[in-house]
Amino acid sequence: MLFGRLREIVNRVDHLGSVVVTDLAEQFDVSVETIRRDLRTLEESGYLRRTHGGAVSLLETGVEALAFGSRKQENLGAKKVIAQSAVKLIRDGDVLMMDQSSSAWYLAQSLPDINLTIITNSVRIVFDFVQRPKIKVISVGGEYFERYGAFLGAITISNILGFHADICFHSCAAFQEGEGAWDNNELNAAVKKAMLRRSKSNVLLCDKSKFNHTGFALVNPVDRIDCMITEEGVTGEVRRGADSPRKEPRRGL
């Protein structure tokens, strides 16, 4: 049985999917060498797998099972550039749908504290707005999946369909020109589709590493993507109706 720091390290790895040695050293206020010894001990005991510069969880494997912590570290620079471009599309008073993707999380990190309403299934995005009082956050609830840090399933979809939003910001696991945005998990795909259905316009956040790949479930066909943002720029535009801002999310059937 594990105790103390070793137990905490395993909990963090299983929660995030992956960890970085330098981050753990800072969090536990110990040296990098100490953390490396800890990870070696935990790997030998079968609790995790060491990688170059960190460790990953053994709970699930495969691209489609990547946890939020793993996805957050992938193409970090590109996602931050995409987030900065996406912020420029948002107006004071907007109602936004945001999925549980790491790209949407980076967008949430970049948002200024202005009059916005965020409707999301991401627990991490909800937590991010605690210190920004002007932003109203609505969590759609449902069955919680720790691996994704998000609510998914029939209850989540039903709650999403009770709202209308100005813009849906979503990402994908893969993008194929001529086809559109794909996801590798049917639960994630179903939630994204519900958000798209209840949004006036949609913006796909997609770094170039996802291009020329396909997935299990088509989320947003290419002819229905209003605006797409990559690290190389913005294509398309956000469709808007009346310019007057709304202070509350609109309920809809």
Protein backbone atom coordinates (compact mmCIF):
# COMPACT_ATOMS: atom_id res chain seq x y z
CA MET A 1 0.00 0.00 0.00
CA LEU A 2 1.21 3.50 -0.84
CA PHE A 3 1.31 6.43 1.54
CA GLY A 4 2.16 10.10 1.49
CA ARG A 5 3.75 11.62 -1.60
CA LEU A 6 3.77 8.35 -3.58
CA ARG A 7 0.03 7.96 -3.14
CA GLU A 8 -0.53 11.56 -4.17
CA ILE A 9 1.59 11.13 -7.28
CA VAL A 10 -0.43 8.08 -8.37
CA ASN A 11 -3.66 9.98 -7.77
CA ARG A 12 -2.44 12.88 -9.92
CA VAL A 13 -1.29 10.61 -12.73
CA ASP A 14 -4.59 8.71 -12.80
CA HIS A 15 -6.58 11.96 -12.59
CA LEU A 16 -4.70 13.82 -15.34
CA GLY A 17 -3.57 10.91 -17.48
CA SER A 18 0.02 12.20 -17.56
CA VAL A 19 2.37 14.29 -15.42
CA VAL A 20 5.66 16.14 -15.90
CA VAL A 21 8.60 15.65 -13.52
CA THR A 22 9.32 19.37 -13.13
CA ASP A 23 5.67 20.10 -12.32
CA LEU A 24 5.60 17.41 -9.62
CA ALA A 25 8.85 18.68 -8.12
CA GLU A 26 7.36 22.15 -7.82
CA GLN A 27 4.03 20.91 -6.47
CA PHE A 28 5.62 18.75 -3.76
CA ASP A 29 8.53 21.14 -3.09
CA VAL A 30 11.19 18.49 -3.64
CA SER A 31 14.03 18.06 -6.13
CA VAL A 32 13.61 16.72 -9.65
CA GLU A 33 15.84 13.78 -8.73
CA THR A 34 13.55 12.90 -5.83
CA ILE A 35 10.54 12.80 -8.15
CA ARG A 36 12.44 10.68 -10.65
CA ARG A 37 13.22 8.16 -7.90
CA ASP A 38 9.56 8.19 -6.88
CA LEU A 39 8.42 7.52 -10.44
CA ARG A 40 10.97 4.72 -10.81
CA THR A 41 9.65 3.11 -7.62
CA LEU A 42 6.04 3.46 -8.78
CA GLU A 43 6.80 2.01 -12.21
CA GLU A 44 8.57 -0.98 -10.68
CA SER A 45 5.52 -1.52 -8.46
CA GLY A 46 3.17 -1.39 -11.46
CA TYR A 47 1.37 1.87 -10.67
CA LEU A 48 2.35 3.92 -13.77
CA ARG A 49 4.63 4.03 -16.80
CA ARG A 50 7.54 6.44 -16.98
CA THR A 51 8.05 8.56 -20.09
CA HIS A 52 10.73 11.03 -21.13
CA GLY A 53 10.30 13.83 -18.61
CA GLY A 54 7.29 12.41 -16.80
CA ALA A 55 4.86 9.51 -16.46
CA VAL A 56 1.49 8.32 -17.78
CA SER A 57 -1.40 6.44 -16.24
CA LEU A 58 -1.98 2.73 -16.82
CA LEU A 59 -5.76 2.99 -16.48
CA GLU A 60 -6.41 3.27 -20.21
CA THR A 61 -4.36 3.17 -23.39
CA GLY A 62 -4.91 4.24 -26.96
CA VAL A 63 -5.35 7.57 -28.69
CA GLU A 64 -9.09 7.60 -28.16
CA ALA A 65 -8.62 7.25 -24.38
CA LEU A 66 -6.20 10.12 -23.86
CA ALA A 67 -7.06 11.94 -20.66
CA PHE A 68 -7.43 15.69 -20.40
CA GLY A 69 -4.01 16.06 -18.81
CA SER A 70 -2.39 14.34 -21.79
CA ARG A 71 -4.35 16.29 -24.39
CA LYS A 72 -3.61 19.57 -22.64
CA GLN A 73 0.12 19.08 -23.21
CA GLU A 74 -0.18 18.20 -26.91
CA ASN A 75 0.62 21.04 -29.35
CA LEU A 76 0.54 23.50 -26.48
CA GLY A 77 1.86 26.47 -28.46
CA ALA A 78 -0.62 25.97 -31.29
CA LYS A 79 -3.57 25.76 -28.91
CA LYS A 80 -2.61 29.00 -27.20
CA VAL A 81 -2.36 30.78 -30.56
CA ILE A 82 -5.78 29.39 -31.53
CA ALA A 83 -7.26 30.59 -28.24
CA GLN A 84 -6.00 34.13 -28.78
CA SER A 85 -7.58 34.21 -32.24
CA ALA A 86 -10.87 32.85 -30.89
CA VAL A 87 -11.12 35.53 -28.19
CA LYS A 88 -11.29 38.18 -30.92
CA LEU A 89 -14.56 36.69 -32.19
CA ILE A 90 -16.36 37.09 -28.87
CA ARG A 91 -18.47 40.13 -27.96
CA ASP A 92 -19.62 41.46 -24.62
CA GLY A 93 -22.98 39.85 -23.82
CA ASP A 94 -22.42 36.67 -25.84
CA VAL A 95 -23.80 33.30 -24.77
CA LEU A 96 -21.24 30.60 -25.56
CA MET A 97 -21.31 26.81 -25.66
CA MET A 98 -17.90 25.28 -24.91
CA ASP A 99 -17.11 21.58 -25.07
CA GLN A 100 -14.75 19.63 -22.82
CA SER A 101 -11.77 19.81 -25.18
CA SER A 102 -8.36 21.07 -24.14
CA SER A 103 -8.60 23.67 -26.93
CA ALA A 104 -11.78 25.07 -25.37
CA TRP A 105 -10.04 25.06 -21.99
CA TYR A 106 -7.23 27.21 -23.36
CA LEU A 107 -9.86 29.56 -24.79
CA ALA A 108 -11.49 29.76 -21.36
CA GLN A 109 -8.11 30.64 -19.86
CA SER A 110 -7.76 33.51 -22.34
CA LEU A 111 -11.18 35.09 -21.89
CA PRO A 112 -11.29 38.54 -20.29
CA ASP A 113 -13.64 39.15 -17.36
CA ILE A 114 -16.49 40.63 -19.40
CA ASN A 115 -20.24 40.07 -19.50
CA LEU A 116 -20.50 36.52 -20.91
CA THR A 117 -22.53 33.40 -20.26
CA ILE A 118 -20.71 30.08 -20.69
CA ILE A 119 -22.65 26.83 -21.04
CA THR A 120 -20.32 23.84 -20.73
CA ASN A 121 -20.03 20.19 -19.80
CA SER A 122 -16.42 20.67 -18.68
CA VAL A 123 -15.80 20.68 -14.94
CA ARG A 124 -12.37 22.24 -15.45
CA ILE A 125 -13.81 25.17 -17.38
CA VAL A 126 -16.38 25.73 -14.64
CA PHE A 127 -13.63 25.91 -12.01
CA ASP A 128 -11.63 28.38 -14.11
CA PHE A 129 -14.28 31.08 -13.84
CA VAL A 130 -14.51 31.17 -10.05
CA GLN A 131 -12.40 34.34 -9.88
CA ARG A 132 -14.11 36.13 -12.80
CA PRO A 133 -17.43 37.40 -11.43
CA LYS A 134 -18.67 39.01 -14.65
CA ILE A 135 -18.76 35.65 -16.43
CA LYS A 136 -21.82 33.54 -15.70
CA VAL A 137 -21.20 29.79 -15.97
CA ILE A 138 -23.85 27.11 -16.44
CA SER A 139 -22.77 23.49 -15.97
CA VAL A 140 -25.08 21.15 -17.88
CA GLY A 141 -24.56 18.24 -15.48
CA GLY A 142 -25.19 14.58 -16.21
CA GLU A 143 -22.99 11.53 -15.67
CA TYR A 144 -19.45 12.58 -14.73
CA PHE A 145 -16.46 10.95 -16.45
CA GLU A 146 -13.23 11.62 -14.58
CA ARG A 147 -11.12 10.56 -17.55
CA TYR A 148 -12.47 13.51 -19.56
CA GLY A 149 -13.18 15.87 -16.67
CA ALA A 150 -16.65 16.30 -18.12
CA PHE A 151 -20.33 15.40 -17.96
CA LEU A 152 -21.53 13.14 -20.78
CA GLY A 153 -24.57 11.06 -21.65
CA ALA A 154 -28.32 11.40 -22.09
CA ILE A 155 -28.93 13.78 -19.16
CA THR A 156 -26.16 16.08 -20.36
CA ILE A 157 -27.60 16.19 -23.87
CA SER A 158 -31.12 16.82 -22.59
CA ASN A 159 -29.91 19.76 -20.52
CA ILE A 160 -27.94 21.24 -23.43
CA LEU A 161 -31.04 21.12 -25.63
CA GLY A 162 -32.77 23.41 -23.13
CA PHE A 163 -30.64 26.38 -24.21
CA HIS A 164 -29.73 28.48 -27.23
CA ALA A 165 -26.30 30.11 -27.62
CA ASP A 166 -24.64 32.59 -29.94
CA ILE A 167 -21.50 30.55 -30.64
CA CYS A 168 -20.41 26.98 -30.03
CA PHE A 169 -16.65 26.62 -29.64
CA HIS A 170 -15.61 23.00 -30.09
CA SER A 171 -12.62 20.94 -31.07
CA CYS A 172 -12.18 17.47 -32.54
CA ALA A 173 -9.91 14.44 -32.54
CA ALA A 174 -9.37 14.56 -36.30
CA PHE A 175 -10.18 16.68 -39.34
CA GLN A 176 -10.53 15.48 -42.90
CA GLU A 177 -10.87 17.96 -45.73
CA GLY A 178 -14.06 17.32 -47.67
CA GLU A 179 -15.60 15.53 -44.65
CA GLY A 180 -15.27 17.63 -41.51
CA ALA A 181 -14.50 17.25 -37.79
CA TRP A 182 -14.40 13.79 -36.22
CA ASP A 183 -14.28 12.44 -32.67
CA ASN A 184 -13.08 9.06 -31.42
CA ASN A 185 -15.73 8.65 -28.73
CA GLU A 186 -19.47 8.49 -29.39
CA LEU A 187 -20.33 10.04 -26.02
CA ASN A 188 -18.16 13.08 -26.69
CA ALA A 189 -19.48 13.33 -30.24
CA ALA A 190 -23.12 13.28 -29.10
CA VAL A 191 -22.55 16.15 -26.65
CA LYS A 192 -20.77 18.25 -29.27
CA LYS A 193 -23.60 17.64 -31.76
CA ALA A 194 -26.16 18.81 -29.20
CA MET A 195 -24.16 22.00 -28.58
CA LEU A 196 -23.90 22.65 -32.32
CA ARG A 197 -27.63 22.12 -32.73
CA ARG A 198 -28.43 24.77 -30.12
CA SER A 199 -25.94 27.41 -31.27
CA LYS A 200 -26.54 30.15 -33.82
CA SER A 201 -22.99 29.78 -35.14
CA ASN A 202 -20.03 27.47 -34.56
CA VAL A 203 -16.26 27.75 -34.44
CA LEU A 204 -13.97 24.74 -34.81
CA LEU A 205 -10.70 24.98 -32.85
CA CYS A 206 -8.31 22.62 -34.61
CA ASP A 207 -4.52 22.54 -34.65
CA LYS A 208 -2.88 21.29 -37.83
CA SER A 209 -1.71 18.01 -36.26
CA LYS A 210 -5.31 16.77 -36.53
CA PHE A 211 -5.51 17.32 -40.29
CA ASN A 212 -5.72 14.40 -42.75
CA HIS A 213 -7.00 12.03 -40.08
CA THR A 214 -10.39 10.50 -39.50
CA GLY A 215 -12.22 9.26 -36.42
CA PHE A 216 -15.08 7.13 -35.23
CA ALA A 217 -17.96 9.62 -35.28
CA LEU A 218 -18.47 12.64 -37.54
CA VAL A 219 -19.22 15.67 -35.33
CA ASN A 220 -19.47 18.61 -37.72
CA PRO A 221 -19.61 18.16 -41.51
CA VAL A 222 -17.34 20.52 -43.42
CA ASP A 223 -20.25 22.36 -45.06
CA ARG A 224 -21.68 23.22 -41.63
CA ILE A 225 -18.52 24.64 -40.10
CA ASP A 226 -19.01 28.43 -40.00
CA CYS A 227 -15.52 29.34 -38.84
CA MET A 228 -12.34 27.34 -38.36
CA ILE A 229 -9.28 28.44 -36.41
CA THR A 230 -5.86 26.81 -36.68
CA GLU A 231 -2.47 28.09 -35.57
CA GLU A 232 -2.09 29.43 -39.12
CA GLY A 233 -5.17 31.66 -39.02
CA VAL A 234 -8.95 31.98 -39.27
CA THR A 235 -11.15 30.85 -42.14
CA GLY A 236 -14.86 31.64 -42.42
CA GLU A 237 -16.76 33.90 -40.05
CA VAL A 238 -19.17 33.84 -37.15
CA ARG A 239 -22.79 34.22 -38.23
CA ARG A 240 -24.68 36.77 -36.14
CA GLY A 241 -28.23 38.11 -36.11
CA ALA A 242 -29.24 41.14 -34.05
CA ASP A 243 -26.28 42.90 -32.47
CA SER A 244 -27.95 43.65 -29.15
CA PRO A 245 -26.28 41.66 -26.35
CA ARG A 246 -28.24 39.24 -24.20
CA LYS A 247 -27.61 39.05 -20.49
CA GLU A 248 -29.18 35.62 -19.98
CA PRO A 249 -29.07 32.38 -21.98
CA ARG A 250 -32.19 31.83 -24.04
CA ARG A 251 -34.26 28.82 -23.18
CA GLY A 252 -35.48 26.70 -26.07
CA LEU A 253 -37.23 23.44 -26.79
